[in-house]
Amino acid sequence: MKKLAIVGVIITNRTIVPEVQSVLSDFGDIIIGRMGVPDKANGINAIALIVEGENEQLSAMTGKLGRLDSVSVKSAVTAVEIK
């Protein structure tokens, strides 16, 4: 069963952005919404994602992102099930 989840991605080195974008593109079919917020003063970029997918899909995406240098990921899977 698909679940609705929120994923927060923090990037502390802009040189990794193309790799982050590549992972997000690979999982574009489960991403419902995306918002990016650059914090230029501190050199940090934040991305908030709303996703819907199977637990395995969500874990695969967050796992790939979390293995990238300079990237931190946190996810919150809700109890909301999508048919």
N, C-alpha and C. Protein backbone atom coordinates (compact mmCIF):
# COMPACT_ATOMS: atom_id res chain seq x y z
N MET A 1 0.85 -1.18 0.00
CA MET A 1 0.00 0.00 0.00
C MET A 1 0.89 1.24 0.00
N LYS A 2 0.52 2.21 -0.81
CA LYS A 2 1.29 3.45 -0.86
C LYS A 2 1.00 4.30 0.37
N LYS A 3 2.03 5.00 0.82
CA LYS A 3 1.90 5.90 1.98
C LYS A 3 2.28 7.31 1.54
N LEU A 4 1.77 8.29 2.23
CA LEU A 4 2.13 9.68 2.04
C LEU A 4 3.25 10.01 3.02
N ALA A 5 4.30 10.66 2.52
CA ALA A 5 5.45 10.97 3.38
C ALA A 5 6.00 12.36 3.06
N ILE A 6 6.74 12.89 4.02
CA ILE A 6 7.43 14.16 3.88
C ILE A 6 8.92 13.86 4.05
N VAL A 7 9.72 14.37 3.13
CA VAL A 7 11.16 14.14 3.17
C VAL A 7 11.87 15.49 3.16
N GLY A 8 12.77 15.67 4.13
CA GLY A 8 13.59 16.87 4.19
C GLY A 8 15.02 16.54 3.79
N VAL A 9 15.58 17.33 2.89
CA VAL A 9 16.95 17.12 2.40
C VAL A 9 17.74 18.39 2.65
N ILE A 10 18.87 18.27 3.33
CA ILE A 10 19.76 19.40 3.59
C ILE A 10 21.07 19.15 2.85
N ILE A 11 21.48 20.13 2.05
CA ILE A 11 22.72 20.03 1.27
C ILE A 11 23.68 21.11 1.77
N THR A 12 24.87 20.69 2.17
CA THR A 12 25.84 21.64 2.73
C THR A 12 26.98 21.95 1.77
N ASN A 13 26.97 21.36 0.57
CA ASN A 13 28.00 21.65 -0.43
C ASN A 13 27.32 21.61 -1.81
N ARG A 14 27.25 22.77 -2.45
CA ARG A 14 26.52 22.87 -3.73
C ARG A 14 27.07 21.99 -4.84
N THR A 15 28.30 21.55 -4.75
CA THR A 15 28.86 20.75 -5.83
C THR A 15 28.15 19.39 -5.97
N ILE A 16 27.42 18.98 -4.95
CA ILE A 16 26.72 17.69 -4.97
C ILE A 16 25.32 17.82 -5.57
N VAL A 17 24.87 19.03 -5.84
CA VAL A 17 23.50 19.27 -6.32
C VAL A 17 23.16 18.46 -7.57
N PRO A 18 24.04 18.37 -8.58
CA PRO A 18 23.67 17.55 -9.75
C PRO A 18 23.38 16.09 -9.40
N GLU A 19 24.10 15.54 -8.44
CA GLU A 19 23.85 14.16 -8.02
C GLU A 19 22.52 14.04 -7.28
N VAL A 20 22.21 15.04 -6.46
CA VAL A 20 20.91 15.05 -5.76
C VAL A 20 19.80 15.13 -6.80
N GLN A 21 19.94 16.01 -7.77
CA GLN A 21 18.94 16.16 -8.81
C GLN A 21 18.75 14.86 -9.60
N SER A 22 19.83 14.15 -9.84
CA SER A 22 19.75 12.89 -10.56
C SER A 22 18.92 11.86 -9.79
N VAL A 23 19.16 11.77 -8.49
CA VAL A 23 18.38 10.84 -7.65
C VAL A 23 16.92 11.24 -7.65
N LEU A 24 16.65 12.53 -7.48
CA LEU A 24 15.26 12.99 -7.46
C LEU A 24 14.57 12.72 -8.80
N SER A 25 15.28 12.87 -9.88
CA SER A 25 14.72 12.56 -11.20
C SER A 25 14.40 11.08 -11.33
N ASP A 26 15.28 10.23 -10.79
CA ASP A 26 15.04 8.79 -10.83
C ASP A 26 13.76 8.41 -10.10
N PHE A 27 13.41 9.17 -9.06
CA PHE A 27 12.23 8.88 -8.26
C PHE A 27 11.10 9.88 -8.51
N GLY A 28 11.15 10.55 -9.65
CA GLY A 28 10.16 11.58 -9.97
C GLY A 28 8.73 11.09 -9.98
N ASP A 29 8.53 9.81 -10.23
CA ASP A 29 7.18 9.26 -10.29
C ASP A 29 6.50 9.20 -8.92
N ILE A 30 7.27 9.28 -7.82
CA ILE A 30 6.64 9.25 -6.49
C ILE A 30 6.61 10.63 -5.84
N ILE A 31 7.24 11.62 -6.47
CA ILE A 31 7.28 12.97 -5.90
C ILE A 31 6.05 13.75 -6.34
N ILE A 32 5.26 14.20 -5.37
CA ILE A 32 4.06 14.97 -5.63
C ILE A 32 4.39 16.46 -5.67
N GLY A 33 5.22 16.90 -4.73
CA GLY A 33 5.57 18.31 -4.63
C GLY A 33 6.98 18.49 -4.11
N ARG A 34 7.57 19.63 -4.49
CA ARG A 34 8.96 19.89 -4.10
C ARG A 34 9.13 21.39 -3.90
N MET A 35 9.85 21.75 -2.83
CA MET A 35 10.16 23.16 -2.58
C MET A 35 11.62 23.25 -2.16
N GLY A 36 12.36 24.11 -2.80
CA GLY A 36 13.76 24.32 -2.45
C GLY A 36 13.96 25.70 -1.85
N VAL A 37 14.77 25.77 -0.81
CA VAL A 37 15.06 27.03 -0.14
C VAL A 37 16.56 27.16 0.06
N PRO A 38 17.19 28.11 -0.66
CA PRO A 38 18.62 28.32 -0.45
C PRO A 38 18.88 29.27 0.72
N ASP A 39 19.84 28.92 1.55
CA ASP A 39 20.28 29.80 2.64
C ASP A 39 21.70 30.22 2.29
N LYS A 40 21.80 31.22 1.45
CA LYS A 40 23.11 31.65 0.92
C LYS A 40 24.04 32.14 2.02
N ALA A 41 23.50 32.76 3.04
CA ALA A 41 24.32 33.29 4.12
C ALA A 41 25.10 32.18 4.84
N ASN A 42 24.50 31.00 4.93
CA ASN A 42 25.14 29.88 5.63
C ASN A 42 25.62 28.78 4.69
N GLY A 43 25.41 28.96 3.39
CA GLY A 43 25.85 27.96 2.42
C GLY A 43 25.11 26.64 2.51
N ILE A 44 23.83 26.72 2.87
CA ILE A 44 23.01 25.52 3.03
C ILE A 44 21.80 25.63 2.10
N ASN A 45 21.44 24.50 1.50
CA ASN A 45 20.24 24.44 0.68
C ASN A 45 19.32 23.38 1.27
N ALA A 46 18.03 23.71 1.36
CA ALA A 46 17.04 22.77 1.90
C ALA A 46 16.02 22.45 0.82
N ILE A 47 15.65 21.18 0.75
CA ILE A 47 14.60 20.74 -0.16
C ILE A 47 13.56 19.99 0.65
N ALA A 48 12.31 20.37 0.49
CA ALA A 48 11.20 19.66 1.13
C ALA A 48 10.43 18.93 0.05
N LEU A 49 10.19 17.64 0.26
CA LEU A 49 9.48 16.82 -0.71
C LEU A 49 8.22 16.23 -0.09
N ILE A 50 7.15 16.21 -0.86
CA ILE A 50 5.95 15.46 -0.50
C ILE A 50 5.94 14.29 -1.47
N VAL A 51 5.92 13.08 -0.93
CA VAL A 51 5.98 11.89 -1.78
C VAL A 51 4.89 10.90 -1.41
N GLU A 52 4.51 10.07 -2.40
CA GLU A 52 3.60 8.96 -2.12
C GLU A 52 4.16 7.73 -2.81
N GLY A 53 4.33 6.68 -2.04
CA GLY A 53 4.87 5.46 -2.61
C GLY A 53 4.90 4.33 -1.61
N GLU A 54 5.31 3.18 -2.10
CA GLU A 54 5.50 2.01 -1.23
C GLU A 54 6.68 2.28 -0.30
N ASN A 55 6.68 1.64 0.87
CA ASN A 55 7.78 1.84 1.82
C ASN A 55 9.13 1.55 1.19
N GLU A 56 9.19 0.54 0.32
CA GLU A 56 10.45 0.18 -0.32
C GLU A 56 10.95 1.31 -1.23
N GLN A 57 10.05 1.96 -1.94
CA GLN A 57 10.42 3.08 -2.81
C GLN A 57 10.94 4.26 -1.99
N LEU A 58 10.23 4.56 -0.91
CA LEU A 58 10.63 5.68 -0.06
C LEU A 58 12.00 5.41 0.56
N SER A 59 12.20 4.18 1.02
CA SER A 59 13.49 3.82 1.61
C SER A 59 14.62 3.87 0.59
N ALA A 60 14.34 3.43 -0.63
CA ALA A 60 15.36 3.44 -1.67
C ALA A 60 15.78 4.88 -1.99
N MET A 61 14.81 5.77 -2.12
CA MET A 61 15.12 7.16 -2.44
C MET A 61 15.91 7.83 -1.31
N THR A 62 15.42 7.70 -0.08
CA THR A 62 16.11 8.35 1.03
C THR A 62 17.48 7.73 1.28
N GLY A 63 17.60 6.44 1.03
CA GLY A 63 18.89 5.77 1.18
C GLY A 63 19.91 6.29 0.19
N LYS A 64 19.52 6.43 -1.08
CA LYS A 64 20.43 6.94 -2.10
C LYS A 64 20.84 8.37 -1.80
N LEU A 65 19.88 9.18 -1.37
CA LEU A 65 20.21 10.57 -1.03
C LEU A 65 21.13 10.63 0.18
N GLY A 66 20.84 9.83 1.19
CA GLY A 66 21.62 9.85 2.43
C GLY A 66 23.05 9.37 2.27
N ARG A 67 23.32 8.59 1.22
CA ARG A 67 24.67 8.11 0.98
C ARG A 67 25.55 9.14 0.27
N LEU A 68 24.96 10.22 -0.21
CA LEU A 68 25.74 11.26 -0.88
C LEU A 68 26.46 12.12 0.16
N ASP A 69 27.71 12.48 -0.16
CA ASP A 69 28.46 13.37 0.73
C ASP A 69 27.75 14.72 0.82
N SER A 70 27.80 15.34 1.98
CA SER A 70 27.24 16.67 2.22
C SER A 70 25.72 16.72 2.14
N VAL A 71 25.05 15.56 2.25
CA VAL A 71 23.59 15.52 2.20
C VAL A 71 23.06 14.82 3.45
N SER A 72 22.10 15.46 4.11
CA SER A 72 21.40 14.88 5.26
C SER A 72 19.93 14.73 4.89
N VAL A 73 19.34 13.62 5.29
CA VAL A 73 17.95 13.35 4.92
C VAL A 73 17.17 12.88 6.15
N LYS A 74 15.96 13.37 6.28
CA LYS A 74 15.03 12.89 7.30
C LYS A 74 13.67 12.71 6.63
N SER A 75 13.00 11.64 6.99
CA SER A 75 11.67 11.43 6.41
C SER A 75 10.66 11.12 7.51
N ALA A 76 9.44 11.48 7.23
CA ALA A 76 8.32 11.18 8.12
C ALA A 76 7.23 10.54 7.28
N VAL A 77 7.00 9.26 7.52
CA VAL A 77 5.96 8.55 6.79
C VAL A 77 4.67 8.63 7.60
N THR A 78 3.63 9.11 6.98
CA THR A 78 2.36 9.28 7.68
C THR A 78 1.57 7.97 7.68
N ALA A 79 0.50 7.96 8.41
CA ALA A 79 -0.39 6.80 8.45
C ALA A 79 -1.37 6.83 7.28
N VAL A 80 -1.34 7.90 6.49
CA VAL A 80 -2.27 8.05 5.36
C VAL A 80 -1.88 7.06 4.26
N GLU A 81 -2.85 6.23 3.88
CA GLU A 81 -2.62 5.27 2.81
C GLU A 81 -3.29 5.76 1.54
N ILE A 82 -2.57 5.64 0.44
CA ILE A 82 -3.06 6.06 -0.87
C ILE A 82 -3.41 4.82 -1.68
N LYS A 83 -4.56 4.83 -2.28
CA LYS A 83 -4.99 3.66 -3.08
C LYS A 83 -4.38 3.69 -4.46
